[in-house]
Amino acid sequence: MKTAKPNVSNFKDFKRTLLEWVAIALAEKPNAKVNSLIAIPYNPYEPQPYEHWTLKGMLDLDNELRVAGEFWDFFGGQGTYNELLDCFEKAGIELRSEIDKYFSRFNK
């Protein structure tokens, strides 16, 4: 799992790590089916697609990257992302006054 806006050197390191993990797995079991991917837990560009410039040419986007709903539904099953969003919304509504009070001290 990675931050939503990693820089280009981070993606180079991520790609190298993925390749090393695959190489290690296949060295131990040459016929193994290996899947590796980078997960970004949310899309800061929503409702637009995630198109961070550092991705260009670095990853096989269909097979090595999951962003927001693609990740959470891949990890937890269909509908997980929407359930997670609902939980955050409910917590935000319930805790709104506490959250506002906490952040009000930074507006001075």
N, C-alpha and C. Protein backbone atom coordinates (compact mmCIF):
# COMPACT_ATOMS: atom_id res chain seq x y z
N MET A 1 0.85 -1.16 0.00
CA MET A 1 0.00 0.00 0.00
C MET A 1 0.90 1.23 0.00
N LYS A 2 0.55 2.22 -0.80
CA LYS A 2 1.37 3.41 -0.95
C LYS A 2 0.52 4.66 -0.82
N THR A 3 1.20 5.80 -0.66
CA THR A 3 0.49 7.07 -0.57
C THR A 3 -0.15 7.39 -1.91
N ALA A 4 -1.09 8.32 -1.90
CA ALA A 4 -1.85 8.63 -3.11
C ALA A 4 -1.05 9.37 -4.17
N LYS A 5 0.01 10.06 -3.76
CA LYS A 5 0.78 10.84 -4.73
C LYS A 5 2.28 10.62 -4.57
N PRO A 6 2.76 9.39 -4.76
CA PRO A 6 4.20 9.16 -4.65
C PRO A 6 4.94 9.79 -5.82
N ASN A 7 6.22 10.09 -5.60
CA ASN A 7 7.00 10.69 -6.68
C ASN A 7 7.60 9.60 -7.57
N VAL A 8 8.22 10.03 -8.66
CA VAL A 8 8.69 9.09 -9.67
C VAL A 8 9.74 8.14 -9.11
N SER A 9 10.63 8.59 -8.24
CA SER A 9 11.64 7.69 -7.69
C SER A 9 11.00 6.62 -6.82
N ASN A 10 9.91 6.97 -6.13
CA ASN A 10 9.19 5.96 -5.35
C ASN A 10 8.65 4.86 -6.26
N PHE A 11 8.08 5.23 -7.39
CA PHE A 11 7.53 4.22 -8.29
C PHE A 11 8.62 3.33 -8.86
N LYS A 12 9.79 3.87 -9.12
CA LYS A 12 10.91 3.04 -9.58
C LYS A 12 11.25 2.01 -8.51
N ASP A 13 11.31 2.46 -7.26
CA ASP A 13 11.60 1.54 -6.16
C ASP A 13 10.48 0.50 -6.00
N PHE A 14 9.23 0.93 -6.13
CA PHE A 14 8.10 0.01 -6.01
C PHE A 14 8.18 -1.07 -7.08
N LYS A 15 8.47 -0.65 -8.30
CA LYS A 15 8.55 -1.59 -9.42
C LYS A 15 9.69 -2.58 -9.19
N ARG A 16 10.83 -2.10 -8.73
CA ARG A 16 11.96 -2.97 -8.45
C ARG A 16 11.58 -4.00 -7.37
N THR A 17 10.90 -3.54 -6.33
CA THR A 17 10.47 -4.43 -5.26
C THR A 17 9.52 -5.50 -5.78
N LEU A 18 8.56 -5.10 -6.60
CA LEU A 18 7.64 -6.08 -7.18
C LEU A 18 8.40 -7.14 -7.98
N LEU A 19 9.35 -6.69 -8.80
CA LEU A 19 10.12 -7.63 -9.62
C LEU A 19 10.96 -8.56 -8.75
N GLU A 20 11.54 -8.03 -7.67
CA GLU A 20 12.33 -8.87 -6.76
C GLU A 20 11.46 -9.92 -6.09
N TRP A 21 10.25 -9.51 -5.63
CA TRP A 21 9.35 -10.46 -4.99
C TRP A 21 8.95 -11.58 -5.96
N VAL A 22 8.65 -11.21 -7.18
CA VAL A 22 8.27 -12.21 -8.18
C VAL A 22 9.45 -13.14 -8.45
N ALA A 23 10.65 -12.58 -8.59
CA ALA A 23 11.84 -13.40 -8.85
C ALA A 23 12.09 -14.38 -7.72
N ILE A 24 11.95 -13.93 -6.47
CA ILE A 24 12.16 -14.81 -5.32
C ILE A 24 11.13 -15.94 -5.32
N ALA A 25 9.88 -15.59 -5.54
CA ALA A 25 8.82 -16.60 -5.54
C ALA A 25 9.03 -17.63 -6.64
N LEU A 26 9.40 -17.16 -7.83
CA LEU A 26 9.59 -18.08 -8.96
C LEU A 26 10.87 -18.89 -8.84
N ALA A 27 11.87 -18.35 -8.14
CA ALA A 27 13.10 -19.12 -7.91
C ALA A 27 12.81 -20.32 -7.00
N GLU A 28 11.89 -20.11 -6.05
CA GLU A 28 11.52 -21.19 -5.14
C GLU A 28 10.55 -22.18 -5.77
N LYS A 29 9.61 -21.66 -6.56
CA LYS A 29 8.60 -22.50 -7.22
C LYS A 29 8.43 -22.00 -8.65
N PRO A 30 9.19 -22.52 -9.58
CA PRO A 30 9.18 -22.01 -10.95
C PRO A 30 7.82 -22.03 -11.64
N ASN A 31 6.92 -22.89 -11.23
CA ASN A 31 5.61 -22.96 -11.88
C ASN A 31 4.51 -22.24 -11.11
N ALA A 32 4.89 -21.50 -10.09
CA ALA A 32 3.91 -20.80 -9.26
C ALA A 32 3.22 -19.70 -10.05
N LYS A 33 1.97 -19.45 -9.69
CA LYS A 33 1.26 -18.30 -10.25
C LYS A 33 1.47 -17.15 -9.26
N VAL A 34 2.13 -16.11 -9.69
CA VAL A 34 2.50 -15.00 -8.81
C VAL A 34 1.77 -13.74 -9.24
N ASN A 35 1.13 -13.09 -8.28
CA ASN A 35 0.48 -11.80 -8.51
C ASN A 35 1.07 -10.81 -7.52
N SER A 36 1.49 -9.68 -8.00
CA SER A 36 1.95 -8.61 -7.12
C SER A 36 1.37 -7.31 -7.63
N LEU A 37 1.06 -6.41 -6.69
CA LEU A 37 0.50 -5.14 -7.12
C LEU A 37 0.76 -4.06 -6.10
N ILE A 38 0.62 -2.85 -6.54
CA ILE A 38 0.71 -1.68 -5.68
C ILE A 38 -0.71 -1.19 -5.44
N ALA A 39 -1.01 -0.90 -4.19
CA ALA A 39 -2.35 -0.44 -3.82
C ALA A 39 -2.28 0.99 -3.32
N ILE A 40 -3.17 1.81 -3.83
CA ILE A 40 -3.33 3.19 -3.36
C ILE A 40 -4.75 3.27 -2.80
N PRO A 41 -4.87 3.49 -1.48
CA PRO A 41 -6.16 3.31 -0.83
C PRO A 41 -7.26 4.30 -1.21
N TYR A 42 -6.92 5.44 -1.77
CA TYR A 42 -7.96 6.37 -2.19
C TYR A 42 -7.49 7.15 -3.40
N ASN A 43 -8.43 7.72 -4.12
CA ASN A 43 -8.15 8.51 -5.32
C ASN A 43 -8.37 9.98 -4.99
N PRO A 44 -7.29 10.76 -4.84
CA PRO A 44 -7.45 12.17 -4.51
C PRO A 44 -8.05 12.99 -5.66
N TYR A 45 -8.16 12.42 -6.84
CA TYR A 45 -8.69 13.12 -8.01
C TYR A 45 -10.17 12.80 -8.25
N GLU A 46 -10.75 11.96 -7.40
CA GLU A 46 -12.15 11.55 -7.55
C GLU A 46 -13.03 12.77 -7.79
N PRO A 47 -13.93 12.81 -8.75
CA PRO A 47 -14.45 11.70 -9.51
C PRO A 47 -13.67 11.39 -10.80
N GLN A 48 -12.58 12.11 -11.03
CA GLN A 48 -11.75 11.83 -12.20
C GLN A 48 -10.94 10.56 -11.94
N PRO A 49 -10.51 9.87 -13.01
CA PRO A 49 -9.68 8.68 -12.81
C PRO A 49 -8.33 9.05 -12.20
N TYR A 50 -7.71 8.10 -11.55
CA TYR A 50 -6.38 8.31 -10.98
C TYR A 50 -5.38 8.30 -12.12
N GLU A 51 -4.76 9.45 -12.36
CA GLU A 51 -3.80 9.57 -13.47
C GLU A 51 -2.60 10.37 -13.01
N HIS A 52 -1.98 9.95 -11.95
CA HIS A 52 -0.80 10.65 -11.44
C HIS A 52 0.32 10.51 -12.48
N TRP A 53 1.00 11.60 -12.79
CA TRP A 53 2.01 11.62 -13.85
C TRP A 53 3.13 10.62 -13.61
N THR A 54 3.42 10.29 -12.37
CA THR A 54 4.52 9.38 -12.10
C THR A 54 4.23 7.94 -12.52
N LEU A 55 2.98 7.65 -12.85
CA LEU A 55 2.63 6.30 -13.28
C LEU A 55 3.03 6.02 -14.72
N LYS A 56 3.14 7.05 -15.51
CA LYS A 56 3.31 6.89 -16.94
C LYS A 56 4.53 6.02 -17.27
N GLY A 57 4.28 4.85 -17.83
CA GLY A 57 5.34 3.95 -18.27
C GLY A 57 5.99 3.14 -17.16
N MET A 58 5.60 3.35 -15.92
CA MET A 58 6.25 2.66 -14.81
C MET A 58 5.61 1.31 -14.50
N LEU A 59 4.29 1.25 -14.59
CA LEU A 59 3.56 0.06 -14.17
C LEU A 59 2.64 -0.43 -15.27
N ASP A 60 2.37 -1.71 -15.23
CA ASP A 60 1.32 -2.30 -16.04
C ASP A 60 0.03 -2.00 -15.26
N LEU A 61 -0.66 -0.93 -15.63
CA LEU A 61 -1.77 -0.41 -14.84
C LEU A 61 -2.90 -1.41 -14.63
N ASP A 62 -3.12 -2.30 -15.59
CA ASP A 62 -4.19 -3.28 -15.46
C ASP A 62 -3.84 -4.40 -14.48
N ASN A 63 -2.54 -4.67 -14.32
CA ASN A 63 -2.14 -5.83 -13.52
C ASN A 63 -1.33 -5.49 -12.27
N GLU A 64 -0.79 -4.30 -12.17
CA GLU A 64 0.09 -3.98 -11.05
C GLU A 64 -0.40 -2.84 -10.16
N LEU A 65 -1.58 -2.31 -10.43
CA LEU A 65 -2.07 -1.18 -9.65
C LEU A 65 -3.55 -1.33 -9.35
N ARG A 66 -3.92 -1.08 -8.09
CA ARG A 66 -5.32 -1.00 -7.68
C ARG A 66 -5.48 0.29 -6.90
N VAL A 67 -6.47 1.09 -7.28
CA VAL A 67 -6.70 2.38 -6.64
C VAL A 67 -8.13 2.43 -6.10
N ALA A 68 -8.25 2.92 -4.86
CA ALA A 68 -9.55 3.17 -4.22
C ALA A 68 -10.44 1.93 -4.28
N GLY A 69 -11.59 2.05 -4.93
CA GLY A 69 -12.55 0.96 -4.97
C GLY A 69 -11.99 -0.33 -5.56
N GLU A 70 -11.14 -0.22 -6.56
CA GLU A 70 -10.53 -1.42 -7.15
C GLU A 70 -9.72 -2.18 -6.10
N PHE A 71 -8.99 -1.44 -5.27
CA PHE A 71 -8.19 -2.08 -4.23
C PHE A 71 -9.07 -2.69 -3.14
N TRP A 72 -9.95 -1.89 -2.56
CA TRP A 72 -10.74 -2.37 -1.42
C TRP A 72 -11.66 -3.52 -1.82
N ASP A 73 -12.23 -3.47 -3.01
CA ASP A 73 -13.08 -4.57 -3.46
C ASP A 73 -12.25 -5.81 -3.80
N PHE A 74 -11.04 -5.61 -4.32
CA PHE A 74 -10.12 -6.72 -4.59
C PHE A 74 -9.73 -7.39 -3.27
N PHE A 75 -9.44 -6.58 -2.28
CA PHE A 75 -8.97 -7.05 -0.98
C PHE A 75 -10.09 -7.65 -0.14
N GLY A 76 -11.26 -7.03 -0.13
CA GLY A 76 -12.32 -7.45 0.78
C GLY A 76 -13.57 -7.98 0.13
N GLY A 77 -13.61 -8.03 -1.19
CA GLY A 77 -14.80 -8.51 -1.89
C GLY A 77 -15.65 -7.37 -2.40
N GLN A 78 -16.49 -7.70 -3.35
CA GLN A 78 -17.35 -6.71 -3.99
C GLN A 78 -18.17 -5.95 -2.95
N GLY A 79 -18.16 -4.62 -3.05
CA GLY A 79 -18.95 -3.77 -2.16
C GLY A 79 -18.18 -3.27 -0.94
N THR A 80 -16.97 -3.77 -0.73
CA THR A 80 -16.19 -3.36 0.44
C THR A 80 -15.91 -1.87 0.45
N TYR A 81 -15.56 -1.31 -0.71
CA TYR A 81 -15.22 0.11 -0.77
C TYR A 81 -16.41 0.98 -0.36
N ASN A 82 -17.58 0.66 -0.87
CA ASN A 82 -18.77 1.45 -0.51
C ASN A 82 -19.10 1.31 0.97
N GLU A 83 -18.92 0.12 1.54
CA GLU A 83 -19.14 -0.06 2.97
C GLU A 83 -18.15 0.78 3.79
N LEU A 84 -16.92 0.82 3.34
CA LEU A 84 -15.90 1.61 4.01
C LEU A 84 -16.24 3.10 3.96
N LEU A 85 -16.66 3.57 2.81
CA LEU A 85 -17.06 4.97 2.67
C LEU A 85 -18.24 5.29 3.59
N ASP A 86 -19.19 4.38 3.67
CA ASP A 86 -20.34 4.57 4.56
C ASP A 86 -19.90 4.68 6.01
N CYS A 87 -18.94 3.86 6.41
CA CYS A 87 -18.43 3.91 7.79
C CYS A 87 -17.78 5.26 8.08
N PHE A 88 -16.99 5.76 7.15
CA PHE A 88 -16.34 7.06 7.34
C PHE A 88 -17.39 8.18 7.40
N GLU A 89 -18.39 8.07 6.56
CA GLU A 89 -19.44 9.10 6.57
C GLU A 89 -20.20 9.09 7.90
N LYS A 90 -20.57 7.92 8.37
CA LYS A 90 -21.29 7.82 9.65
C LYS A 90 -20.43 8.34 10.81
N ALA A 91 -19.15 7.97 10.81
CA ALA A 91 -18.25 8.45 11.87
C ALA A 91 -18.11 9.97 11.80
N GLY A 92 -18.00 10.51 10.59
CA GLY A 92 -17.89 11.96 10.43
C GLY A 92 -19.11 12.70 10.92
N ILE A 93 -20.28 12.15 10.63
CA ILE A 93 -21.53 12.78 11.09
C ILE A 93 -21.62 12.71 12.61
N GLU A 94 -21.34 11.54 13.16
CA GLU A 94 -21.46 11.35 14.61
C GLU A 94 -20.43 12.17 15.39
N LEU A 95 -19.25 12.32 14.84
CA LEU A 95 -18.17 13.00 15.56
C LEU A 95 -17.93 14.43 15.07
N ARG A 96 -18.82 14.95 14.26
CA ARG A 96 -18.64 16.27 13.63
C ARG A 96 -18.27 17.35 14.64
N SER A 97 -18.99 17.46 15.73
CA SER A 97 -18.71 18.53 16.69
C SER A 97 -17.33 18.36 17.31
N GLU A 98 -16.93 17.14 17.62
CA GLU A 98 -15.59 16.92 18.17
C GLU A 98 -14.50 17.24 17.16
N ILE A 99 -14.73 16.87 15.92
CA ILE A 99 -13.76 17.14 14.86
C ILE A 99 -13.63 18.65 14.65
N ASP A 100 -14.77 19.35 14.57
CA ASP A 100 -14.75 20.81 14.40
C ASP A 100 -14.04 21.48 15.57
N LYS A 101 -14.32 21.04 16.78
CA LYS A 101 -13.69 21.61 17.97
C LYS A 101 -12.17 21.42 17.92
N TYR A 102 -11.74 20.23 17.56
CA TYR A 102 -10.31 19.94 17.49
C TYR A 102 -9.61 20.86 16.48
N PHE A 103 -10.18 20.97 15.28
CA PHE A 103 -9.53 21.77 14.24
C PHE A 103 -9.70 23.27 14.40
N SER A 104 -10.66 23.70 15.21
CA SER A 104 -10.87 25.14 15.41
C SER A 104 -9.66 25.79 16.06
N ARG A 105 -8.89 25.06 16.82
CA ARG A 105 -7.71 25.64 17.47
C ARG A 105 -6.61 25.99 16.49
N PHE A 106 -6.69 25.48 15.25
CA PHE A 106 -5.69 25.78 14.24
C PHE A 106 -6.09 26.98 13.38
N ASN A 107 -7.28 27.50 13.55
CA ASN A 107 -7.78 28.64 12.76
C ASN A 107 -7.50 29.97 13.41
N LYS A 108 -6.65 30.01 14.39
CA LYS A 108 -6.40 31.25 15.11
C LYS A 108 -5.26 32.03 14.53
